[in-house]
């Protein structure tokens, strides 16, 4: 079954922040303007979280976190493609990200190292 996507709202914010903190990712700025985040579920179970910041035609991928039970199952790539598609519909032409621990995953997904960031042009 495909994953379902729901924009984070209400009580989901704390669960999202908890997931970010568990993954050693920043959580203090997720509710600032120009940021959109999603909860991803499959069969009613949360499989991950992720989103992006909007900067004109550029998007900054933010906080893609796969729940431990779903890692190495293809869910991360599926979540990434959903986020990219939503961002493209909102006018994002280029995606960038900053990562120190997942560069191999993003390179496998078509991103390339450009200076200090991985970008999909």
PDB file of N, CA and C in Angstrom:
ATOM      1  N   UNK A   1       0.832  -1.181   0.000  1.00  0.00           N
ATOM      2  CA  UNK A   1       0.000   0.000   0.000  1.00  0.00           C
ATOM      3  C   UNK A   1       0.877   1.245   0.000  1.00  0.00           C
ATOM      4  N   UNK A   2       0.455   2.256  -0.728  1.00  0.00           N
ATOM      5  CA  UNK A   2       1.207   3.506  -0.804  1.00  0.00           C
ATOM      6  C   UNK A   2       1.073   4.287   0.502  1.00  0.00           C
ATOM      7  N   UNK A   3       2.012   5.192   0.719  1.00  0.00           N
ATOM      8  CA  UNK A   3       1.918   6.015   1.914  1.00  0.00           C
ATOM      9  C   UNK A   3       0.902   7.130   1.703  1.00  0.00           C
ATOM     10  N   UNK A   4       0.290   7.539   2.790  1.00  0.00           N
ATOM     11  CA  UNK A   4      -0.623   8.679   2.779  1.00  0.00           C
ATOM     12  C   UNK A   4       0.117   9.866   3.386  1.00  0.00           C
ATOM     13  N   UNK A   5      -0.248  11.055   2.930  1.00  0.00           N
ATOM     14  CA  UNK A   5       0.418  12.275   3.355  1.00  0.00           C
ATOM     15  C   UNK A   5      -0.605  13.223   3.945  1.00  0.00           C
ATOM     16  N   UNK A   6      -0.269  13.775   5.117  1.00  0.00           N
ATOM     17  CA  UNK A   6      -1.147  14.723   5.767  1.00  0.00           C
ATOM     18  C   UNK A   6      -0.296  15.877   6.303  1.00  0.00           C
ATOM     19  N   UNK A   7      -0.679  17.114   5.958  1.00  0.00           N
ATOM     20  CA  UNK A   7       0.061  18.256   6.467  1.00  0.00           C
ATOM     21  C   UNK A   7      -0.083  18.297   7.985  1.00  0.00           C
ATOM     22  N   UNK A   8       1.018  18.570   8.673  1.00  0.00           N
ATOM     23  CA  UNK A   8       1.015  18.562  10.133  1.00  0.00           C
ATOM     24  C   UNK A   8       0.192  19.728  10.663  1.00  0.00           C
ATOM     25  N   UNK A   9      -0.652  19.419  11.649  1.00  0.00           N
ATOM     26  CA  UNK A   9      -1.498  20.431  12.288  1.00  0.00           C
ATOM     27  C   UNK A   9      -1.797  19.976  13.710  1.00  0.00           C
ATOM     28  N   UNK A  10      -2.196  20.910  14.534  1.00  0.00           N
ATOM     29  CA  UNK A  10      -2.671  20.601  15.884  1.00  0.00           C
ATOM     30  C   UNK A  10      -1.712  19.760  16.698  1.00  0.00           C
ATOM     31  N   UNK A  11      -2.236  18.676  17.260  1.00  0.00           N
ATOM     32  CA  UNK A  11      -1.478  17.820  18.155  1.00  0.00           C
ATOM     33  C   UNK A  11      -0.338  17.064  17.501  1.00  0.00           C
ATOM     34  N   UNK A  12      -0.302  17.028  16.178  1.00  0.00           N
ATOM     35  CA  UNK A  12       0.791  16.328  15.490  1.00  0.00           C
ATOM     36  C   UNK A  12       2.124  17.048  15.669  1.00  0.00           C
ATOM     37  N   UNK A  13       2.089  18.368  15.936  1.00  0.00           N
ATOM     38  CA  UNK A  13       3.334  19.129  16.049  1.00  0.00           C
ATOM     39  C   UNK A  13       4.253  18.555  17.117  1.00  0.00           C
ATOM     40  N   UNK A  14       3.709  18.197  18.278  1.00  0.00           N
ATOM     41  CA  UNK A  14       4.572  17.678  19.338  1.00  0.00           C
ATOM     42  C   UNK A  14       5.164  16.331  18.953  1.00  0.00           C
ATOM     43  N   UNK A  15       4.393  15.466  18.334  1.00  0.00           N
ATOM     44  CA  UNK A  15       4.924  14.170  17.887  1.00  0.00           C
ATOM     45  C   UNK A  15       6.031  14.374  16.855  1.00  0.00           C
ATOM     46  N   UNK A  16       5.838  15.355  15.957  1.00  0.00           N
ATOM     47  CA  UNK A  16       6.857  15.679  14.958  1.00  0.00           C
ATOM     48  C   UNK A  16       8.126  16.170  15.646  1.00  0.00           C
ATOM     49  N   UNK A  17       7.994  17.102  16.582  1.00  0.00           N
ATOM     50  CA  UNK A  17       9.164  17.607  17.307  1.00  0.00           C
ATOM     51  C   UNK A  17       9.885  16.473  18.049  1.00  0.00           C
ATOM     52  N   UNK A  18       9.124  15.584  18.664  1.00  0.00           N
ATOM     53  CA  UNK A  18       9.733  14.446  19.364  1.00  0.00           C
ATOM     54  C   UNK A  18      10.522  13.568  18.393  1.00  0.00           C
ATOM     55  N   UNK A  19       9.974  13.329  17.199  1.00  0.00           N
ATOM     56  CA  UNK A  19      10.671  12.525  16.188  1.00  0.00           C
ATOM     57  C   UNK A  19      11.953  13.216  15.746  1.00  0.00           C
ATOM     58  N   UNK A  20      11.910  14.539  15.570  1.00  0.00           N
ATOM     59  CA  UNK A  20      13.105  15.282  15.184  1.00  0.00           C
ATOM     60  C   UNK A  20      14.172  15.179  16.264  1.00  0.00           C
ATOM     61  N   UNK A  21      13.774  15.388  17.506  1.00  0.00           N
ATOM     62  CA  UNK A  21      14.737  15.324  18.603  1.00  0.00           C
ATOM     63  C   UNK A  21      15.339  13.930  18.724  1.00  0.00           C
ATOM     64  N   UNK A  22      14.548  12.893  18.515  1.00  0.00           N
ATOM     65  CA  UNK A  22      15.064  11.516  18.555  1.00  0.00           C
ATOM     66  C   UNK A  22      16.095  11.270  17.464  1.00  0.00           C
ATOM     67  N   UNK A  23      15.964  11.988  16.345  1.00  0.00           N
ATOM     68  CA  UNK A  23      16.899  11.848  15.223  1.00  0.00           C
ATOM     69  C   UNK A  23      18.017  12.891  15.277  1.00  0.00           C
ATOM     70  N   UNK A  24      18.118  13.612  16.397  1.00  0.00           N
ATOM     71  CA  UNK A  24      19.134  14.665  16.569  1.00  0.00           C
ATOM     72  C   UNK A  24      19.037  15.747  15.503  1.00  0.00           C
ATOM     73  N   UNK A  25      17.809  16.109  15.136  1.00  0.00           N
ATOM     74  CA  UNK A  25      17.565  17.185  14.180  1.00  0.00           C
ATOM     75  C   UNK A  25      16.920  18.360  14.901  1.00  0.00           C
ATOM     76  N   UNK A  26      17.157  19.591  14.415  1.00  0.00           N
ATOM     77  CA  UNK A  26      16.572  20.762  15.079  1.00  0.00           C
ATOM     78  C   UNK A  26      15.050  20.767  14.970  1.00  0.00           C
ATOM     79  N   UNK A  27      14.414  21.238  16.041  1.00  0.00           N
ATOM     80  CA  UNK A  27      12.952  21.281  16.050  1.00  0.00           C
ATOM     81  C   UNK A  27      12.402  22.642  16.449  1.00  0.00           C
ATOM     82  N   UNK A  28      13.272  23.580  16.783  1.00  0.00           N
ATOM     83  CA  UNK A  28      12.801  24.846  17.334  1.00  0.00           C
ATOM     84  C   UNK A  28      12.284  25.827  16.290  1.00  0.00           C
ATOM     85  N   UNK A  29      12.513  25.572  15.011  1.00  0.00           N
ATOM     86  CA  UNK A  29      12.108  26.539  13.983  1.00  0.00           C
ATOM     87  C   UNK A  29      11.077  25.985  13.005  1.00  0.00           C
ATOM     88  N   UNK A  30      10.483  24.853  13.310  1.00  0.00           N
ATOM     89  CA  UNK A  30       9.597  24.211  12.338  1.00  0.00           C
ATOM     90  C   UNK A  30       8.298  24.973  12.099  1.00  0.00           C
ATOM     91  N   UNK A  31       7.908  25.826  13.031  1.00  0.00           N
ATOM     92  CA  UNK A  31       6.642  26.545  12.860  1.00  0.00           C
ATOM     93  C   UNK A  31       6.819  27.964  12.336  1.00  0.00           C
ATOM     94  N   UNK A  32       8.003  28.287  11.824  1.00  0.00           N
ATOM     95  CA  UNK A  32       8.235  29.604  11.231  1.00  0.00           C
ATOM     96  C   UNK A  32       7.588  29.684   9.852  1.00  0.00           C
ATOM     97  N   UNK A  33       7.400  30.901   9.327  1.00  0.00           N
ATOM     98  CA  UNK A  33       6.771  31.051   8.000  1.00  0.00           C
ATOM     99  C   UNK A  33       7.560  30.348   6.892  1.00  0.00           C
ATOM    100  N   UNK A  34       6.864  30.053   5.807  1.00  0.00           N
ATOM    101  CA  UNK A  34       7.438  29.443   4.598  1.00  0.00           C
ATOM    102  C   UNK A  34       7.936  28.020   4.808  1.00  0.00           C
ATOM    103  N   UNK A  35       7.415  27.351   5.819  1.00  0.00           N
ATOM    104  CA  UNK A  35       7.775  25.956   6.078  1.00  0.00           C
ATOM    105  C   UNK A  35       6.506  25.112   6.030  1.00  0.00           C
ATOM    106  N   UNK A  36       6.605  23.967   5.370  1.00  0.00           N
ATOM    107  CA  UNK A  36       5.478  23.047   5.246  1.00  0.00           C
ATOM    108  C   UNK A  36       5.973  21.661   5.622  1.00  0.00           C
ATOM    109  N   UNK A  37       5.266  21.010   6.555  1.00  0.00           N
ATOM    110  CA  UNK A  37       5.690  19.690   7.022  1.00  0.00           C
ATOM    111  C   UNK A  37       4.536  18.708   6.952  1.00  0.00           C
ATOM    112  N   UNK A  38       4.895  17.428   6.797  1.00  0.00           N
ATOM    113  CA  UNK A  38       3.912  16.369   6.609  1.00  0.00           C
ATOM    114  C   UNK A  38       4.201  15.188   7.525  1.00  0.00           C
ATOM    115  N   UNK A  39       3.129  14.490   7.877  1.00  0.00           N
ATOM    116  CA  UNK A  39       3.230  13.182   8.508  1.00  0.00           C
ATOM    117  C   UNK A  39       2.884  12.165   7.428  1.00  0.00           C
ATOM    118  N   UNK A  40       3.676  11.122   7.331  1.00  0.00           N
ATOM    119  CA  UNK A  40       3.447  10.062   6.351  1.00  0.00           C
ATOM    120  C   UNK A  40       2.981   8.814   7.092  1.00  0.00           C
ATOM    121  N   UNK A  41       1.908   8.210   6.606  1.00  0.00           N
ATOM    122  CA  UNK A  41       1.371   7.010   7.250  1.00  0.00           C
ATOM    123  C   UNK A  41       1.169   5.906   6.218  1.00  0.00           C
ATOM    124  N   UNK A  42       1.136   4.690   6.717  1.00  0.00           N
ATOM    125  CA  UNK A  42       0.805   3.523   5.895  1.00  0.00           C
ATOM    126  C   UNK A  42      -0.023   2.596   6.781  1.00  0.00           C
ATOM    127  N   UNK A  43      -1.187   2.234   6.294  1.00  0.00           N
ATOM    128  CA  UNK A  43      -2.090   1.368   7.064  1.00  0.00           C
ATOM    129  C   UNK A  43      -2.352   1.922   8.464  1.00  0.00           C
ATOM    130  N   UNK A  44      -2.472   3.248   8.570  1.00  0.00           N
ATOM    131  CA  UNK A  44      -2.778   3.889   9.842  1.00  0.00           C
ATOM    132  C   UNK A  44      -1.603   4.087  10.778  1.00  0.00           C
ATOM    133  N   UNK A  45      -0.424   3.623  10.392  1.00  0.00           N
ATOM    134  CA  UNK A  45       0.775   3.755  11.220  1.00  0.00           C
ATOM    135  C   UNK A  45       1.668   4.858  10.670  1.00  0.00           C
ATOM    136  N   UNK A  46       2.207   5.688  11.553  1.00  0.00           N
ATOM    137  CA  UNK A  46       3.151   6.716  11.125  1.00  0.00           C
ATOM    138  C   UNK A  46       4.446   6.050  10.683  1.00  0.00           C
ATOM    139  N   UNK A  47       4.887   6.371   9.451  1.00  0.00           N
ATOM    140  CA  UNK A  47       6.148   5.826   8.940  1.00  0.00           C
ATOM    141  C   UNK A  47       7.231   6.889   8.879  1.00  0.00           C
ATOM    142  N   UNK A  48       6.846   8.169   8.933  1.00  0.00           N
ATOM    143  CA  UNK A  48       7.852   9.211   8.895  1.00  0.00           C
ATOM    144  C   UNK A  48       7.268  10.603   8.836  1.00  0.00           C
ATOM    145  N   UNK A  49       8.193  11.551   8.729  1.00  0.00           N
ATOM    146  CA  UNK A  49       7.876  12.973   8.745  1.00  0.00           C
ATOM    147  C   UNK A  49       8.815  13.675   7.773  1.00  0.00           C
ATOM    148  N   UNK A  50       8.416  14.811   7.262  1.00  0.00           N
ATOM    149  CA  UNK A  50       9.311  15.585   6.415  1.00  0.00           C
ATOM    150  C   UNK A  50       8.625  16.799   5.850  1.00  0.00           C
ATOM    151  N   UNK A  51       9.417  17.671   5.245  1.00  0.00           N
ATOM    152  CA  UNK A  51       8.848  18.868   4.658  1.00  0.00           C
ATOM    153  C   UNK A  51       9.900  19.716   3.981  1.00  0.00           C
ATOM    154  N   UNK A  52       9.549  20.981   3.780  1.00  0.00           N
ATOM    155  CA  UNK A  52      10.454  21.873   3.073  1.00  0.00           C
ATOM    156  C   UNK A  52      10.188  23.326   3.442  1.00  0.00           C
ATOM    157  N   UNK A  53      11.210  24.154   3.189  1.00  0.00           N
ATOM    158  CA  UNK A  53      11.099  25.606   3.285  1.00  0.00           C
ATOM    159  C   UNK A  53      11.025  26.145   1.871  1.00  0.00           C
ATOM    160  N   UNK A  54      10.285  27.227   1.692  1.00  0.00           N
ATOM    161  CA  UNK A  54      10.162  27.861   0.389  1.00  0.00           C
ATOM    162  C   UNK A  54      10.959  29.157   0.378  1.00  0.00           C
ATOM    163  N   UNK A  55      11.812  29.304  -0.637  1.00  0.00           N
ATOM    164  CA  UNK A  55      12.609  30.512  -0.848  1.00  0.00           C
ATOM    165  C   UNK A  55      12.523  30.859  -2.331  1.00  0.00           C
ATOM    166  N   UNK A  56      11.424  31.481  -2.734  1.00  0.00           N
ATOM    167  CA  UNK A  56      11.199  31.757  -4.150  1.00  0.00           C
ATOM    168  C   UNK A  56      11.039  30.451  -4.906  1.00  0.00           C
ATOM    169  N   UNK A  57      11.841  30.267  -5.964  1.00  0.00           N
ATOM    170  CA  UNK A  57      11.781  29.035  -6.754  1.00  0.00           C
ATOM    171  C   UNK A  57      12.671  27.939  -6.175  1.00  0.00           C
ATOM    172  N   UNK A  58      13.328  28.233  -5.055  1.00  0.00           N
ATOM    173  CA  UNK A  58      14.191  27.253  -4.400  1.00  0.00           C
ATOM    174  C   UNK A  58      13.498  26.687  -3.174  1.00  0.00           C
ATOM    175  N   UNK A  59      13.682  25.409  -2.973  1.00  0.00           N
ATOM    176  CA  UNK A  59      13.166  24.755  -1.780  1.00  0.00           C
ATOM    177  C   UNK A  59      14.307  24.157  -0.995  1.00  0.00           C
ATOM    178  N   UNK A  60      14.191  24.211   0.314  1.00  0.00           N
ATOM    179  CA  UNK A  60      15.158  23.575   1.195  1.00  0.00           C
ATOM    180  C   UNK A  60      14.460  22.404   1.864  1.00  0.00           C
ATOM    181  N   UNK A  61      14.881  21.190   1.518  1.00  0.00           N
ATOM    182  CA  UNK A  61      14.311  19.996   2.125  1.00  0.00           C
ATOM    183  C   UNK A  61      14.634  20.023   3.608  1.00  0.00           C
ATOM    184  N   UNK A  62      13.630  19.754   4.419  1.00  0.00           N
ATOM    185  CA  UNK A  62      13.810  19.830   5.867  1.00  0.00           C
ATOM    186  C   UNK A  62      13.348  18.553   6.548  1.00  0.00           C
ATOM    187  N   UNK A  63      14.182  18.046   7.402  1.00  0.00           N
ATOM    188  CA  UNK A  63      13.775  17.100   8.430  1.00  0.00           C
ATOM    189  C   UNK A  63      13.050  15.869   7.913  1.00  0.00           C
ATOM    190  N   UNK A  64      13.636  15.178   6.966  1.00  0.00           N
ATOM    191  CA  UNK A  64      13.065  13.916   6.495  1.00  0.00           C
ATOM    192  C   UNK A  64      13.479  12.831   7.491  1.00  0.00           C
ATOM    193  N   UNK A  65      12.508  12.331   8.242  1.00  0.00           N
ATOM    194  CA  UNK A  65      12.766  11.349   9.293  1.00  0.00           C
ATOM    195  C   UNK A  65      11.891  10.129   9.057  1.00  0.00           C
ATOM    196  N   UNK A  66      12.518   8.970   8.942  1.00  0.00           N
ATOM    197  CA  UNK A  66      11.787   7.711   8.802  1.00  0.00           C
ATOM    198  C   UNK A  66      11.783   7.026  10.169  1.00  0.00           C
ATOM    199  N   UNK A  67      10.616   6.580  10.595  1.00  0.00           N
ATOM    200  CA  UNK A  67      10.518   5.856  11.862  1.00  0.00           C
ATOM    201  C   UNK A  67      11.420   4.619  11.797  1.00  0.00           C
ATOM    202  N   UNK A  68      12.097   4.281  12.909  1.00  0.00           N
ATOM    203  CA  UNK A  68      13.079   3.186  12.897  1.00  0.00           C
ATOM    204  C   UNK A  68      12.573   1.877  12.288  1.00  0.00           C
ATOM    205  N   UNK A  69      11.348   1.493  12.541  1.00  0.00           N
ATOM    206  CA  UNK A  69      10.827   0.217  12.028  1.00  0.00           C
ATOM    207  C   UNK A  69      10.695   0.197  10.514  1.00  0.00           C
ATOM    208  N   UNK A  70      10.731   1.370   9.871  1.00  0.00           N
ATOM    209  CA  UNK A  70      10.525   1.449   8.421  1.00  0.00           C
ATOM    210  C   UNK A  70      11.791   1.839   7.664  1.00  0.00           C
ATOM    211  N   UNK A  71      12.907   1.961   8.351  1.00  0.00           N
ATOM    212  CA  UNK A  71      14.155   2.320   7.676  1.00  0.00           C
ATOM    213  C   UNK A  71      14.629   1.160   6.811  1.00  0.00           C
ATOM    214  N   UNK A  72      15.284   1.494   5.711  1.00  0.00           N
ATOM    215  CA  UNK A  72      15.814   0.509   4.753  1.00  0.00           C
ATOM    216  C   UNK A  72      14.716  -0.325   4.109  1.00  0.00           C
ATOM    217  N   UNK A  73      13.515   0.253   3.970  1.00  0.00           N
ATOM    218  CA  UNK A  73      12.399  -0.448   3.322  1.00  0.00           C
ATOM    219  C   UNK A  73      11.927   0.268   2.064  1.00  0.00           C
ATOM    220  N   UNK A  74      12.560   1.402   1.720  1.00  0.00           N
ATOM    221  CA  UNK A  74      12.127   2.189   0.571  1.00  0.00           C
ATOM    222  C   UNK A  74      11.185   3.318   0.926  1.00  0.00           C
ATOM    223  N   UNK A  75      10.743   3.368   2.180  1.00  0.00           N
ATOM    224  CA  UNK A  75       9.809   4.411   2.610  1.00  0.00           C
ATOM    225  C   UNK A  75      10.433   5.801   2.486  1.00  0.00           C
ATOM    226  N   UNK A  76      11.714   5.937   2.823  1.00  0.00           N
ATOM    227  CA  UNK A  76      12.370   7.242   2.743  1.00  0.00           C
ATOM    228  C   UNK A  76      12.344   7.810   1.333  1.00  0.00           C
ATOM    229  N   UNK A  77      12.646   6.988   0.350  1.00  0.00           N
ATOM    230  CA  UNK A  77      12.601   7.438  -1.042  1.00  0.00           C
ATOM    231  C   UNK A  77      11.200   7.805  -1.473  1.00  0.00           C
ATOM    232  N   UNK A  78      10.229   7.026  -1.024  1.00  0.00           N
ATOM    233  CA  UNK A  78       8.830   7.316  -1.349  1.00  0.00           C
ATOM    234  C   UNK A  78       8.395   8.645  -0.728  1.00  0.00           C
ATOM    235  N   UNK A  79       8.778   8.871   0.528  1.00  0.00           N
ATOM    236  CA  UNK A  79       8.455  10.134   1.189  1.00  0.00           C
ATOM    237  C   UNK A  79       9.105  11.303   0.457  1.00  0.00           C
ATOM    238  N   UNK A  80      10.361  11.146   0.075  1.00  0.00           N
ATOM    239  CA  UNK A  80      11.073  12.204  -0.627  1.00  0.00           C
ATOM    240  C   UNK A  80      10.376  12.560  -1.931  1.00  0.00           C
ATOM    241  N   UNK A  81       9.959  11.560  -2.700  1.00  0.00           N
ATOM    242  CA  UNK A  81       9.274  11.831  -3.971  1.00  0.00           C
ATOM    243  C   UNK A  81       7.952  12.575  -3.754  1.00  0.00           C
ATOM    244  N   UNK A  82       7.245  12.245  -2.682  1.00  0.00           N
ATOM    245  CA  UNK A  82       5.994  12.947  -2.381  1.00  0.00           C
ATOM    246  C   UNK A  82       6.278  14.408  -2.045  1.00  0.00           C
ATOM    247  N   UNK A  83       7.270  14.654  -1.187  1.00  0.00           N
ATOM    248  CA  UNK A  83       7.619  16.032  -0.820  1.00  0.00           C
ATOM    249  C   UNK A  83       8.042  16.813  -2.059  1.00  0.00           C
ATOM    250  N   UNK A  84       8.866  16.214  -2.913  1.00  0.00           N
ATOM    251  CA  UNK A  84       9.303  16.891  -4.138  1.00  0.00           C
ATOM    252  C   UNK A  84       8.118  17.230  -5.039  1.00  0.00           C
ATOM    253  N   UNK A  85       7.172  16.319  -5.179  1.00  0.00           N
ATOM    254  CA  UNK A  85       6.002  16.558  -6.041  1.00  0.00           C
ATOM    255  C   UNK A  85       5.134  17.683  -5.493  1.00  0.00           C
ATOM    256  N   UNK A  86       4.911  17.697  -4.195  1.00  0.00           N
ATOM    257  CA  UNK A  86       4.116  18.770  -3.586  1.00  0.00           C
ATOM    258  C   UNK A  86       4.824  20.104  -3.769  1.00  0.00           C
ATOM    259  N   UNK A  87       6.129  20.124  -3.541  1.00  0.00           N
ATOM    260  CA  UNK A  87       6.896  21.361  -3.700  1.00  0.00           C
ATOM    261  C   UNK A  87       6.855  21.850  -5.145  1.00  0.00           C
ATOM    262  N   UNK A  88       6.972  20.943  -6.101  1.00  0.00           N
ATOM    263  CA  UNK A  88       6.922  21.331  -7.518  1.00  0.00           C
ATOM    264  C   UNK A  88       5.582  21.968  -7.854  1.00  0.00           C
ATOM    265  N   UNK A  89       4.498  21.428  -7.314  1.00  0.00           N
ATOM    266  CA  UNK A  89       3.172  22.013  -7.551  1.00  0.00           C
ATOM    267  C   UNK A  89       3.064  23.418  -6.968  1.00  0.00           C
ATOM    268  N   UNK A  90       3.897  23.717  -5.971  1.00  0.00           N
ATOM    269  CA  UNK A  90       3.899  25.041  -5.352  1.00  0.00           C
ATOM    270  C   UNK A  90       4.931  25.967  -5.989  1.00  0.00           C
ATOM    271  N   UNK A  91       5.545  25.528  -7.092  1.00  0.00           N
ATOM    272  CA  UNK A  91       6.458  26.392  -7.834  1.00  0.00           C
ATOM    273  C   UNK A  91       7.929  26.228  -7.520  1.00  0.00           C
ATOM    274  N   UNK A  92       8.292  25.223  -6.749  1.00  0.00           N
ATOM    275  CA  UNK A  92       9.706  24.992  -6.440  1.00  0.00           C
ATOM    276  C   UNK A  92      10.366  24.339  -7.654  1.00  0.00           C
ATOM    277  N   UNK A  93      11.422  24.980  -8.162  1.00  0.00           N
ATOM    278  CA  UNK A  93      12.131  24.465  -9.336  1.00  0.00           C
ATOM    279  C   UNK A  93      13.409  23.718  -8.955  1.00  0.00           C
ATOM    280  N   UNK A  94      14.010  24.078  -7.823  1.00  0.00           N
ATOM    281  CA  UNK A  94      15.260  23.458  -7.368  1.00  0.00           C
ATOM    282  C   UNK A  94      15.127  23.128  -5.888  1.00  0.00           C
ATOM    283  N   UNK A  95      15.663  21.977  -5.517  1.00  0.00           N
ATOM    284  CA  UNK A  95      15.642  21.548  -4.124  1.00  0.00           C
ATOM    285  C   UNK A  95      17.068  21.464  -3.602  1.00  0.00           C
ATOM    286  N   UNK A  96      17.279  21.933  -2.400  1.00  0.00           N
ATOM    287  CA  UNK A  96      18.578  21.869  -1.734  1.00  0.00           C
ATOM    288  C   UNK A  96      18.369  21.229  -0.365  1.00  0.00           C
ATOM    289  N   UNK A  97      19.454  20.743   0.218  1.00  0.00           N
ATOM    290  CA  UNK A  97      19.382  20.248   1.585  1.00  0.00           C
ATOM    291  C   UNK A  97      20.755  20.316   2.214  1.00  0.00           C
ATOM    292  N   UNK A  98      20.754  20.343   3.521  1.00  0.00           N
ATOM    293  CA  UNK A  98      21.981  20.300   4.302  1.00  0.00           C
ATOM    294  C   UNK A  98      21.942  19.005   5.096  1.00  0.00           C
ATOM    295  N   UNK A  99      22.976  18.199   4.982  1.00  0.00           N
ATOM    296  CA  UNK A  99      22.993  16.946   5.739  1.00  0.00           C
ATOM    297  C   UNK A  99      24.425  16.555   6.061  1.00  0.00           C
ATOM    298  N   UNK A 100      24.584  15.949   7.202  1.00  0.00           N
ATOM    299  CA  UNK A 100      25.891  15.397   7.565  1.00  0.00           C
ATOM    300  C   UNK A 100      25.822  13.885   7.709  1.00  0.00           C
ATOM    301  N   UNK A 101      24.607  13.339   7.833  1.00  0.00           N
ATOM    302  CA  UNK A 101      24.501  11.906   8.108  1.00  0.00           C
ATOM    303  C   UNK A 101      23.820  11.105   7.004  1.00  0.00           C
ATOM    304  N   UNK A 102      23.176  11.764   6.055  1.00  0.00           N
ATOM    305  CA  UNK A 102      22.396  11.016   5.058  1.00  0.00           C
ATOM    306  C   UNK A 102      22.776  11.347   3.620  1.00  0.00           C
ATOM    307  N   UNK A 103      23.988  11.832   3.402  1.00  0.00           N
ATOM    308  CA  UNK A 103      24.355  12.235   2.041  1.00  0.00           C
ATOM    309  C   UNK A 103      24.305  11.058   1.070  1.00  0.00           C
ATOM    310  N   UNK A 104      24.691   9.866   1.499  1.00  0.00           N
ATOM    311  CA  UNK A 104      24.634   8.699   0.617  1.00  0.00           C
ATOM    312  C   UNK A 104      23.225   8.400   0.150  1.00  0.00           C
ATOM    313  N   UNK A 105      22.261   8.469   1.060  1.00  0.00           N
ATOM    314  CA  UNK A 105      20.857   8.253   0.700  1.00  0.00           C
ATOM    315  C   UNK A 105      20.421   9.259  -0.355  1.00  0.00           C
ATOM    316  N   UNK A 106      20.717  10.544  -0.141  1.00  0.00           N
ATOM    317  CA  UNK A 106      20.253  11.567  -1.076  1.00  0.00           C
ATOM    318  C   UNK A 106      20.971  11.482  -2.418  1.00  0.00           C
ATOM    319  N   UNK A 107      22.233  11.102  -2.428  1.00  0.00           N
ATOM    320  CA  UNK A 107      22.926  10.895  -3.696  1.00  0.00           C
ATOM    321  C   UNK A 107      22.272   9.759  -4.479  1.00  0.00           C
ATOM    322  N   UNK A 108      21.843   8.700  -3.793  1.00  0.00           N
ATOM    323  CA  UNK A 108      21.133   7.598  -4.457  1.00  0.00           C
ATOM    324  C   UNK A 108      19.796   8.066  -5.029  1.00  0.00           C
ATOM    325  N   UNK A 109      19.238   9.131  -4.471  1.00  0.00           N
ATOM    326  CA  UNK A 109      17.950   9.654  -4.926  1.00  0.00           C
ATOM    327  C   UNK A 109      18.104  10.718  -6.015  1.00  0.00           C
ATOM    328  N   UNK A 110      19.341  10.949  -6.488  1.00  0.00           N
ATOM    329  CA  UNK A 110      19.556  11.877  -7.588  1.00  0.00           C
ATOM    330  C   UNK A 110      20.104  13.232  -7.202  1.00  0.00           C
ATOM    331  N   UNK A 111      20.435  13.430  -5.945  1.00  0.00           N
ATOM    332  CA  UNK A 111      21.018  14.693  -5.503  1.00  0.00           C
ATOM    333  C   UNK A 111      22.522  14.658  -5.724  1.00  0.00           C
ATOM    334  N   UNK A 112      23.112  15.836  -5.909  1.00  0.00           N
ATOM    335  CA  UNK A 112      24.547  15.934  -6.145  1.00  0.00           C
ATOM    336  C   UNK A 112      25.147  16.952  -5.186  1.00  0.00           C
ATOM    337  N   UNK A 113      26.354  16.678  -4.734  1.00  0.00           N
ATOM    338  CA  UNK A 113      27.053  17.576  -3.835  1.00  0.00           C
ATOM    339  C   UNK A 113      27.461  18.832  -4.589  1.00  0.00           C
ATOM    340  N   UNK A 114      27.049  19.982  -4.080  1.00  0.00           N
ATOM    341  CA  UNK A 114      27.430  21.275  -4.650  1.00  0.00           C
ATOM    342  C   UNK A 114      27.914  22.133  -3.497  1.00  0.00           C
ATOM    343  N   UNK A 115      29.207  22.374  -3.446  1.00  0.00           N
ATOM    344  CA  UNK A 115      29.824  23.087  -2.323  1.00  0.00           C
ATOM    345  C   UNK A 115      29.506  22.333  -1.041  1.00  0.00           C
ATOM    346  N   UNK A 116      28.764  22.976  -0.148  1.00  0.00           N
ATOM    347  CA  UNK A 116      28.438  22.388   1.146  1.00  0.00           C
ATOM    348  C   UNK A 116      27.044  21.778   1.184  1.00  0.00           C
ATOM    349  N   UNK A 117      26.294  21.855   0.084  1.00  0.00           N
ATOM    350  CA  UNK A 117      24.922  21.356   0.100  1.00  0.00           C
ATOM    351  C   UNK A 117      24.732  20.300  -0.973  1.00  0.00           C
ATOM    352  N   UNK A 118      23.717  19.484  -0.800  1.00  0.00           N
ATOM    353  CA  UNK A 118      23.299  18.553  -1.840  1.00  0.00           C
ATOM    354  C   UNK A 118      22.123  19.189  -2.548  1.00  0.00           C
ATOM    355  N   UNK A 119      22.152  19.215  -3.877  1.00  0.00           N
ATOM    356  CA  UNK A 119      21.102  19.891  -4.631  1.00  0.00           C
ATOM    357  C   UNK A 119      20.567  18.995  -5.726  1.00  0.00           C
ATOM    358  N   UNK A 120      19.295  19.162  -6.014  1.00  0.00           N
ATOM    359  CA  UNK A 120      18.679  18.495  -7.158  1.00  0.00           C
ATOM    360  C   UNK A 120      18.258  19.607  -8.099  1.00  0.00           C
ATOM    361  N   UNK A 121      18.945  19.710  -9.231  1.00  0.00           N
ATOM    362  CA  UNK A 121      18.705  20.810 -10.170  1.00  0.00           C
ATOM    363  C   UNK A 121      17.826  20.377 -11.304  1.00  0.00           C
TER     364      UNK A 121
END
